[in-house]
């Protein structure tokens, strides 16, 4: 099957990310965009690392007991305190 073609418009932030991936991997911008699309869609072509945006941690959501949640909140409570002097 011949490759498909698509024209899209995207912002400067995404352009920088595409350029960075292309530079880092030593590939064309087109190949970088196709890689990102495949990763986001979860299509494994065996050519790119799996960094799928997906639901792999959904099982974890809501799995803590009330006691576990309470213990976690107590353990991270200090991180919620803002040191006003540091922000002046």
PDB file of N, CA and C in Angstrom:
ATOM      1  N   UNK A   1       0.847  -1.176   0.000  1.00  0.00           N
ATOM      2  CA  UNK A   1       0.000   0.000   0.000  1.00  0.00           C
ATOM      3  C   UNK A   1       0.894   1.242   0.000  1.00  0.00           C
ATOM      4  N   UNK A   2       0.610   2.209  -0.825  1.00  0.00           N
ATOM      5  CA  UNK A   2       1.434   3.424  -0.866  1.00  0.00           C
ATOM      6  C   UNK A   2       1.251   4.242   0.409  1.00  0.00           C
ATOM      7  N   UNK A   3       2.265   5.026   0.776  1.00  0.00           N
ATOM      8  CA  UNK A   3       2.134   5.852   1.984  1.00  0.00           C
ATOM      9  C   UNK A   3       1.060   6.920   1.809  1.00  0.00           C
ATOM     10  N   UNK A   4       0.477   7.300   2.909  1.00  0.00           N
ATOM     11  CA  UNK A   4      -0.538   8.358   2.909  1.00  0.00           C
ATOM     12  C   UNK A   4       0.139   9.699   3.140  1.00  0.00           C
ATOM     13  N   UNK A   5      -0.517  10.741   2.741  1.00  0.00           N
ATOM     14  CA  UNK A   5       0.020  12.074   2.912  1.00  0.00           C
ATOM     15  C   UNK A   5      -1.006  12.913   3.657  1.00  0.00           C
ATOM     16  N   UNK A   6      -0.510  13.779   4.549  1.00  0.00           N
ATOM     17  CA  UNK A   6      -1.367  14.619   5.357  1.00  0.00           C
ATOM     18  C   UNK A   6      -0.680  15.965   5.553  1.00  0.00           C
ATOM     19  N   UNK A   7      -1.430  17.030   5.428  1.00  0.00           N
ATOM     20  CA  UNK A   7      -0.899  18.361   5.700  1.00  0.00           C
ATOM     21  C   UNK A   7      -1.513  18.842   7.001  1.00  0.00           C
ATOM     22  N   UNK A   8      -0.657  19.260   7.928  1.00  0.00           N
ATOM     23  CA  UNK A   8      -1.152  19.757   9.216  1.00  0.00           C
ATOM     24  C   UNK A   8      -0.464  21.081   9.545  1.00  0.00           C
ATOM     25  N   UNK A   9      -1.080  21.836  10.428  1.00  0.00           N
ATOM     26  CA  UNK A   9      -0.488  23.064  10.948  1.00  0.00           C
ATOM     27  C   UNK A   9      -0.208  22.841  12.423  1.00  0.00           C
ATOM     28  N   UNK A  10       0.953  23.294  12.869  1.00  0.00           N
ATOM     29  CA  UNK A  10       1.318  23.126  14.271  1.00  0.00           C
ATOM     30  C   UNK A  10       2.134  24.324  14.732  1.00  0.00           C
ATOM     31  N   UNK A  11       2.225  24.472  16.054  1.00  0.00           N
ATOM     32  CA  UNK A  11       2.849  25.667  16.617  1.00  0.00           C
ATOM     33  C   UNK A  11       4.365  25.503  16.776  1.00  0.00           C
ATOM     34  N   UNK A  12       4.998  26.580  17.219  1.00  0.00           N
ATOM     35  CA  UNK A  12       6.453  26.612  17.364  1.00  0.00           C
ATOM     36  C   UNK A  12       6.960  25.619  18.407  1.00  0.00           C
ATOM     37  N   UNK A  13       6.196  25.431  19.483  1.00  0.00           N
ATOM     38  CA  UNK A  13       6.625  24.488  20.522  1.00  0.00           C
ATOM     39  C   UNK A  13       6.735  23.073  19.960  1.00  0.00           C
ATOM     40  N   UNK A  14       5.734  22.668  19.213  1.00  0.00           N
ATOM     41  CA  UNK A  14       5.764  21.333  18.616  1.00  0.00           C
ATOM     42  C   UNK A  14       6.861  21.243  17.552  1.00  0.00           C
ATOM     43  N   UNK A  15       7.060  22.310  16.802  1.00  0.00           N
ATOM     44  CA  UNK A  15       8.128  22.325  15.797  1.00  0.00           C
ATOM     45  C   UNK A  15       9.484  22.095  16.450  1.00  0.00           C
ATOM     46  N   UNK A  16       9.709  22.724  17.599  1.00  0.00           N
ATOM     47  CA  UNK A  16      10.980  22.528  18.313  1.00  0.00           C
ATOM     48  C   UNK A  16      11.139  21.084  18.772  1.00  0.00           C
ATOM     49  N   UNK A  17      10.058  20.492  19.271  1.00  0.00           N
ATOM     50  CA  UNK A  17      10.125  19.097  19.716  1.00  0.00           C
ATOM     51  C   UNK A  17      10.408  18.152  18.554  1.00  0.00           C
ATOM     52  N   UNK A  18       9.776  18.406  17.425  1.00  0.00           N
ATOM     53  CA  UNK A  18      10.005  17.582  16.230  1.00  0.00           C
ATOM     54  C   UNK A  18      11.459  17.715  15.783  1.00  0.00           C
ATOM     55  N   UNK A  19      11.943  18.946  15.723  1.00  0.00           N
ATOM     56  CA  UNK A  19      13.333  19.181  15.313  1.00  0.00           C
ATOM     57  C   UNK A  19      14.314  18.524  16.282  1.00  0.00           C
ATOM     58  N   UNK A  20      14.025  18.598  17.563  1.00  0.00           N
ATOM     59  CA  UNK A  20      14.903  17.996  18.567  1.00  0.00           C
ATOM     60  C   UNK A  20      14.937  16.478  18.416  1.00  0.00           C
ATOM     61  N   UNK A  21      13.792  15.861  18.232  1.00  0.00           N
ATOM     62  CA  UNK A  21      13.746  14.411  18.035  1.00  0.00           C
ATOM     63  C   UNK A  21      14.517  14.022  16.772  1.00  0.00           C
ATOM     64  N   UNK A  22      14.309  14.760  15.700  1.00  0.00           N
ATOM     65  CA  UNK A  22      15.004  14.472  14.441  1.00  0.00           C
ATOM     66  C   UNK A  22      16.515  14.595  14.617  1.00  0.00           C
ATOM     67  N   UNK A  23      16.941  15.643  15.293  1.00  0.00           N
ATOM     68  CA  UNK A  23      18.371  15.848  15.534  1.00  0.00           C
ATOM     69  C   UNK A  23      18.946  14.741  16.411  1.00  0.00           C
ATOM     70  N   UNK A  24      18.267  14.463  17.523  1.00  0.00           N
ATOM     71  CA  UNK A  24      18.733  13.469  18.486  1.00  0.00           C
ATOM     72  C   UNK A  24      18.826  12.076  17.869  1.00  0.00           C
ATOM     73  N   UNK A  25      17.851  11.726  17.044  1.00  0.00           N
ATOM     74  CA  UNK A  25      17.802  10.393  16.459  1.00  0.00           C
ATOM     75  C   UNK A  25      18.501  10.307  15.099  1.00  0.00           C
ATOM     76  N   UNK A  26      18.891  11.466  14.561  1.00  0.00           N
ATOM     77  CA  UNK A  26      19.537  11.480  13.255  1.00  0.00           C
ATOM     78  C   UNK A  26      18.595  11.054  12.138  1.00  0.00           C
ATOM     79  N   UNK A  27      17.343  11.523  12.238  1.00  0.00           N
ATOM     80  CA  UNK A  27      16.328  11.164  11.242  1.00  0.00           C
ATOM     81  C   UNK A  27      15.714  12.434  10.665  1.00  0.00           C
ATOM     82  N   UNK A  28      14.963  12.281   9.593  1.00  0.00           N
ATOM     83  CA  UNK A  28      14.307  13.435   8.975  1.00  0.00           C
ATOM     84  C   UNK A  28      13.155  13.932   9.856  1.00  0.00           C
ATOM     85  N   UNK A  29      12.728  15.150   9.608  1.00  0.00           N
ATOM     86  CA  UNK A  29      11.582  15.704  10.329  1.00  0.00           C
ATOM     87  C   UNK A  29      10.338  14.865  10.046  1.00  0.00           C
ATOM     88  N   UNK A  30      10.177  14.442   8.793  1.00  0.00           N
ATOM     89  CA  UNK A  30       9.021  13.621   8.440  1.00  0.00           C
ATOM     90  C   UNK A  30       9.015  12.324   9.250  1.00  0.00           C
ATOM     91  N   UNK A  31      10.167  11.664   9.312  1.00  0.00           N
ATOM     92  CA  UNK A  31      10.253  10.418  10.072  1.00  0.00           C
ATOM     93  C   UNK A  31       9.994  10.663  11.563  1.00  0.00           C
ATOM     94  N   UNK A  32      10.462  11.814  12.059  1.00  0.00           N
ATOM     95  CA  UNK A  32      10.224  12.159  13.469  1.00  0.00           C
ATOM     96  C   UNK A  32       8.726  12.322  13.741  1.00  0.00           C
ATOM     97  N   UNK A  33       8.026  13.007  12.834  1.00  0.00           N
ATOM     98  CA  UNK A  33       6.582  13.201  12.998  1.00  0.00           C
ATOM     99  C   UNK A  33       5.859  11.859  12.930  1.00  0.00           C
ATOM    100  N   UNK A  34       6.231  11.012  11.989  1.00  0.00           N
ATOM    101  CA  UNK A  34       5.590   9.698  11.873  1.00  0.00           C
ATOM    102  C   UNK A  34       5.853   8.881  13.133  1.00  0.00           C
ATOM    103  N   UNK A  35       7.069   8.941  13.663  1.00  0.00           N
ATOM    104  CA  UNK A  35       7.385   8.215  14.897  1.00  0.00           C
ATOM    105  C   UNK A  35       6.508   8.690  16.048  1.00  0.00           C
ATOM    106  N   UNK A  36       6.378  10.012  16.198  1.00  0.00           N
ATOM    107  CA  UNK A  36       5.541  10.555  17.270  1.00  0.00           C
ATOM    108  C   UNK A  36       4.086  10.135  17.106  1.00  0.00           C
ATOM    109  N   UNK A  37       3.580  10.166  15.891  1.00  0.00           N
ATOM    110  CA  UNK A  37       2.198   9.743  15.652  1.00  0.00           C
ATOM    111  C   UNK A  37       2.008   8.269  15.993  1.00  0.00           C
ATOM    112  N   UNK A  38       2.953   7.431  15.589  1.00  0.00           N
ATOM    113  CA  UNK A  38       2.842   6.001  15.880  1.00  0.00           C
ATOM    114  C   UNK A  38       2.895   5.734  17.378  1.00  0.00           C
ATOM    115  N   UNK A  39       3.811   6.431  18.058  1.00  0.00           N
ATOM    116  CA  UNK A  39       3.906   6.255  19.509  1.00  0.00           C
ATOM    117  C   UNK A  39       2.610   6.666  20.191  1.00  0.00           C
ATOM    118  N   UNK A  40       2.056   7.799  19.793  1.00  0.00           N
ATOM    119  CA  UNK A  40       0.815   8.286  20.409  1.00  0.00           C
ATOM    120  C   UNK A  40      -0.348   7.344  20.144  1.00  0.00           C
ATOM    121  N   UNK A  41      -0.347   6.718  18.972  1.00  0.00           N
ATOM    122  CA  UNK A  41      -1.432   5.804  18.607  1.00  0.00           C
ATOM    123  C   UNK A  41      -1.201   4.393  19.123  1.00  0.00           C
ATOM    124  N   UNK A  42       0.001   4.144  19.654  1.00  0.00           N
ATOM    125  CA  UNK A  42       0.297   2.812  20.161  1.00  0.00           C
ATOM    126  C   UNK A  42       0.591   1.808  19.073  1.00  0.00           C
ATOM    127  N   UNK A  43       1.026   2.283  17.915  1.00  0.00           N
ATOM    128  CA  UNK A  43       1.360   1.406  16.797  1.00  0.00           C
ATOM    129  C   UNK A  43       2.834   1.056  16.910  1.00  0.00           C
ATOM    130  N   UNK A  44       3.141  -0.211  17.130  1.00  0.00           N
ATOM    131  CA  UNK A  44       4.518  -0.654  17.268  1.00  0.00           C
ATOM    132  C   UNK A  44       5.037  -1.119  15.916  1.00  0.00           C
ATOM    133  N   UNK A  45       5.979  -0.343  15.380  1.00  0.00           N
ATOM    134  CA  UNK A  45       6.555  -0.738  14.097  1.00  0.00           C
ATOM    135  C   UNK A  45       7.917  -1.390  14.275  1.00  0.00           C
ATOM    136  N   UNK A  46       8.325  -1.599  15.526  1.00  0.00           N
ATOM    137  CA  UNK A  46       9.604  -2.214  15.806  1.00  0.00           C
ATOM    138  C   UNK A  46      10.776  -1.286  15.560  1.00  0.00           C
ATOM    139  N   UNK A  47      10.507  -0.062  15.141  1.00  0.00           N
ATOM    140  CA  UNK A  47      11.557   0.882  14.788  1.00  0.00           C
ATOM    141  C   UNK A  47      11.766   1.953  15.846  1.00  0.00           C
ATOM    142  N   UNK A  48      10.819   2.095  16.742  1.00  0.00           N
ATOM    143  CA  UNK A  48      10.932   3.169  17.721  1.00  0.00           C
ATOM    144  C   UNK A  48      10.640   2.646  19.118  1.00  0.00           C
ATOM    145  N   UNK A  49      11.229   3.319  20.119  1.00  0.00           N
ATOM    146  CA  UNK A  49      10.973   2.903  21.495  1.00  0.00           C
ATOM    147  C   UNK A  49       9.506   3.095  21.863  1.00  0.00           C
ATOM    148  N   UNK A  50       8.986   2.226  22.697  1.00  0.00           N
ATOM    149  CA  UNK A  50       7.589   2.337  23.112  1.00  0.00           C
ATOM    150  C   UNK A  50       7.455   3.376  24.217  1.00  0.00           C
ATOM    151  N   UNK A  51       6.844   4.490  23.900  1.00  0.00           N
ATOM    152  CA  UNK A  51       6.522   5.524  24.877  1.00  0.00           C
ATOM    153  C   UNK A  51       5.080   5.905  24.686  1.00  0.00           C
ATOM    154  N   UNK A  52       4.247   4.925  24.617  1.00  0.00           N
ATOM    155  CA  UNK A  52       2.847   5.130  24.288  1.00  0.00           C
ATOM    156  C   UNK A  52       2.135   5.999  25.325  1.00  0.00           C
ATOM    157  N   UNK A  53       1.338   6.882  24.820  1.00  0.00           N
ATOM    158  CA  UNK A  53       0.446   7.655  25.669  1.00  0.00           C
ATOM    159  C   UNK A  53      -0.788   6.783  25.815  1.00  0.00           C
ATOM    160  N   UNK A  54      -1.057   6.346  27.007  1.00  0.00           N
ATOM    161  CA  UNK A  54      -2.166   5.418  27.107  1.00  0.00           C
ATOM    162  C   UNK A  54      -2.647   5.191  28.512  1.00  0.00           C
ATOM    163  N   UNK A  55      -3.116   3.982  28.740  1.00  0.00           N
ATOM    164  CA  UNK A  55      -3.814   3.659  29.973  1.00  0.00           C
ATOM    165  C   UNK A  55      -3.081   2.636  30.831  1.00  0.00           C
ATOM    166  N   UNK A  56      -1.767   2.539  30.688  1.00  0.00           N
ATOM    167  CA  UNK A  56      -1.017   1.493  31.380  1.00  0.00           C
ATOM    168  C   UNK A  56      -1.067   1.595  32.904  1.00  0.00           C
ATOM    169  N   UNK A  57      -1.360   2.761  33.444  1.00  0.00           N
ATOM    170  CA  UNK A  57      -1.426   2.917  34.900  1.00  0.00           C
ATOM    171  C   UNK A  57      -2.848   3.102  35.413  1.00  0.00           C
ATOM    172  N   UNK A  58      -3.831   2.933  34.543  1.00  0.00           N
ATOM    173  CA  UNK A  58      -5.218   3.125  34.964  1.00  0.00           C
ATOM    174  C   UNK A  58      -5.616   2.199  36.109  1.00  0.00           C
ATOM    175  N   UNK A  59      -5.050   0.992  36.141  1.00  0.00           N
ATOM    176  CA  UNK A  59      -5.377   0.038  37.202  1.00  0.00           C
ATOM    177  C   UNK A  59      -5.037   0.605  38.576  1.00  0.00           C
ATOM    178  N   UNK A  60      -4.046   1.525  38.606  1.00  0.00           N
ATOM    179  CA  UNK A  60      -3.560   2.070  39.868  1.00  0.00           C
ATOM    180  C   UNK A  60      -4.507   3.116  40.451  1.00  0.00           C
ATOM    181  N   UNK A  61      -5.239   3.791  39.601  1.00  0.00           N
ATOM    182  CA  UNK A  61      -6.130   4.863  40.042  1.00  0.00           C
ATOM    183  C   UNK A  61      -7.238   4.283  40.909  1.00  0.00           C
ATOM    184  N   UNK A  62      -7.359   4.826  42.095  1.00  0.00           N
ATOM    185  CA  UNK A  62      -8.405   4.384  43.013  1.00  0.00           C
ATOM    186  C   UNK A  62      -8.113   3.068  43.711  1.00  0.00           C
ATOM    187  N   UNK A  63      -6.874   2.588  43.646  1.00  0.00           N
ATOM    188  CA  UNK A  63      -6.563   1.282  44.231  1.00  0.00           C
ATOM    189  C   UNK A  63      -6.134   1.354  45.693  1.00  0.00           C
ATOM    190  N   UNK A  64      -5.800   2.544  46.187  1.00  0.00           N
ATOM    191  CA  UNK A  64      -5.384   2.659  47.572  1.00  0.00           C
ATOM    192  C   UNK A  64      -6.579   2.577  48.522  1.00  0.00           C
ATOM    193  N   UNK A  65      -6.302   2.039  49.677  1.00  0.00           N
ATOM    194  CA  UNK A  65      -7.307   2.075  50.737  1.00  0.00           C
ATOM    195  C   UNK A  65      -7.286   3.474  51.343  1.00  0.00           C
ATOM    196  N   UNK A  66      -8.280   3.779  52.155  1.00  0.00           N
ATOM    197  CA  UNK A  66      -8.287   5.087  52.815  1.00  0.00           C
ATOM    198  C   UNK A  66      -7.060   5.253  53.696  1.00  0.00           C
ATOM    199  N   UNK A  67      -6.649   4.185  54.360  1.00  0.00           N
ATOM    200  CA  UNK A  67      -5.476   4.233  55.233  1.00  0.00           C
ATOM    201  C   UNK A  67      -4.204   4.516  54.426  1.00  0.00           C
ATOM    202  N   UNK A  68      -4.046   3.872  53.283  1.00  0.00           N
ATOM    203  CA  UNK A  68      -2.873   4.110  52.442  1.00  0.00           C
ATOM    204  C   UNK A  68      -2.852   5.550  51.938  1.00  0.00           C
ATOM    205  N   UNK A  69      -3.990   6.052  51.541  1.00  0.00           N
ATOM    206  CA  UNK A  69      -4.068   7.434  51.063  1.00  0.00           C
ATOM    207  C   UNK A  69      -3.717   8.405  52.184  1.00  0.00           C
ATOM    208  N   UNK A  70      -4.213   8.142  53.380  1.00  0.00           N
ATOM    209  CA  UNK A  70      -3.930   8.992  54.531  1.00  0.00           C
ATOM    210  C   UNK A  70      -2.430   8.989  54.846  1.00  0.00           C
ATOM    211  N   UNK A  71      -1.820   7.809  54.824  1.00  0.00           N
ATOM    212  CA  UNK A  71      -0.382   7.699  55.095  1.00  0.00           C
ATOM    213  C   UNK A  71       0.433   8.456  54.046  1.00  0.00           C
ATOM    214  N   UNK A  72       0.032   8.368  52.789  1.00  0.00           N
ATOM    215  CA  UNK A  72       0.735   9.082  51.735  1.00  0.00           C
ATOM    216  C   UNK A  72       0.614  10.582  51.935  1.00  0.00           C
ATOM    217  N   UNK A  73      -0.596  11.054  52.201  1.00  0.00           N
ATOM    218  CA  UNK A  73      -0.805  12.486  52.401  1.00  0.00           C
ATOM    219  C   UNK A  73       0.008  13.009  53.580  1.00  0.00           C
ATOM    220  N   UNK A  74       0.116  12.228  54.632  1.00  0.00           N
ATOM    221  CA  UNK A  74       0.935  12.634  55.774  1.00  0.00           C
ATOM    222  C   UNK A  74       2.415  12.671  55.398  1.00  0.00           C
ATOM    223  N   UNK A  75       2.858  11.722  54.587  1.00  0.00           N
ATOM    224  CA  UNK A  75       4.262  11.642  54.198  1.00  0.00           C
ATOM    225  C   UNK A  75       4.686  12.806  53.311  1.00  0.00           C
ATOM    226  N   UNK A  76       3.777  13.361  52.526  1.00  0.00           N
ATOM    227  CA  UNK A  76       4.137  14.448  51.602  1.00  0.00           C
ATOM    228  C   UNK A  76       3.646  15.815  52.067  1.00  0.00           C
ATOM    229  N   UNK A  77       3.099  15.871  53.244  1.00  0.00           N
ATOM    230  CA  UNK A  77       2.550  17.133  53.760  1.00  0.00           C
ATOM    231  C   UNK A  77       3.592  18.251  53.763  1.00  0.00           C
ATOM    232  N   UNK A  78       4.846  17.945  54.114  1.00  0.00           N
ATOM    233  CA  UNK A  78       5.890  18.974  54.156  1.00  0.00           C
ATOM    234  C   UNK A  78       6.126  19.621  52.798  1.00  0.00           C
ATOM    235  N   UNK A  79       5.855  18.913  51.724  1.00  0.00           N
ATOM    236  CA  UNK A  79       6.082  19.452  50.388  1.00  0.00           C
ATOM    237  C   UNK A  79       5.023  20.472  49.987  1.00  0.00           C
ATOM    238  N   UNK A  80       3.979  20.579  50.763  1.00  0.00           N
ATOM    239  CA  UNK A  80       2.908  21.523  50.461  1.00  0.00           C
ATOM    240  C   UNK A  80       3.123  22.875  51.134  1.00  0.00           C
ATOM    241  N   UNK A  81       4.129  22.964  51.997  1.00  0.00           N
ATOM    242  CA  UNK A  81       4.410  24.200  52.714  1.00  0.00           C
ATOM    243  C   UNK A  81       5.273  25.097  51.833  1.00  0.00           C
ATOM    244  N   UNK A  82       4.821  26.324  51.627  1.00  0.00           N
ATOM    245  CA  UNK A  82       5.555  27.281  50.814  1.00  0.00           C
ATOM    246  C   UNK A  82       6.429  28.127  51.723  1.00  0.00           C
ATOM    247  N   UNK A  83       7.720  28.168  51.417  1.00  0.00           N
ATOM    248  CA  UNK A  83       8.653  29.015  52.150  1.00  0.00           C
ATOM    249  C   UNK A  83       8.604  30.394  51.508  1.00  0.00           C
ATOM    250  N   UNK A  84       7.873  31.305  52.125  1.00  0.00           N
ATOM    251  CA  UNK A  84       7.649  32.626  51.558  1.00  0.00           C
ATOM    252  C   UNK A  84       8.959  33.390  51.329  1.00  0.00           C
ATOM    253  N   UNK A  85       9.964  33.166  52.181  1.00  0.00           N
ATOM    254  CA  UNK A  85      11.242  33.862  52.033  1.00  0.00           C
ATOM    255  C   UNK A  85      11.936  33.497  50.721  1.00  0.00           C
ATOM    256  N   UNK A  86      11.778  32.258  50.255  1.00  0.00           N
ATOM    257  CA  UNK A  86      12.427  31.829  49.040  1.00  0.00           C
ATOM    258  C   UNK A  86      11.823  32.476  47.802  1.00  0.00           C
ATOM    259  N   UNK A  87      10.615  33.017  47.919  1.00  0.00           N
ATOM    260  CA  UNK A  87       9.928  33.568  46.767  1.00  0.00           C
ATOM    261  C   UNK A  87       9.972  35.087  46.733  1.00  0.00           C
ATOM    262  N   UNK A  88      10.864  35.666  47.484  1.00  0.00           N
ATOM    263  CA  UNK A  88      11.000  37.143  47.502  1.00  0.00           C
ATOM    264  C   UNK A  88      12.195  37.565  46.723  1.00  0.00           C
TER     265      UNK A  88
END
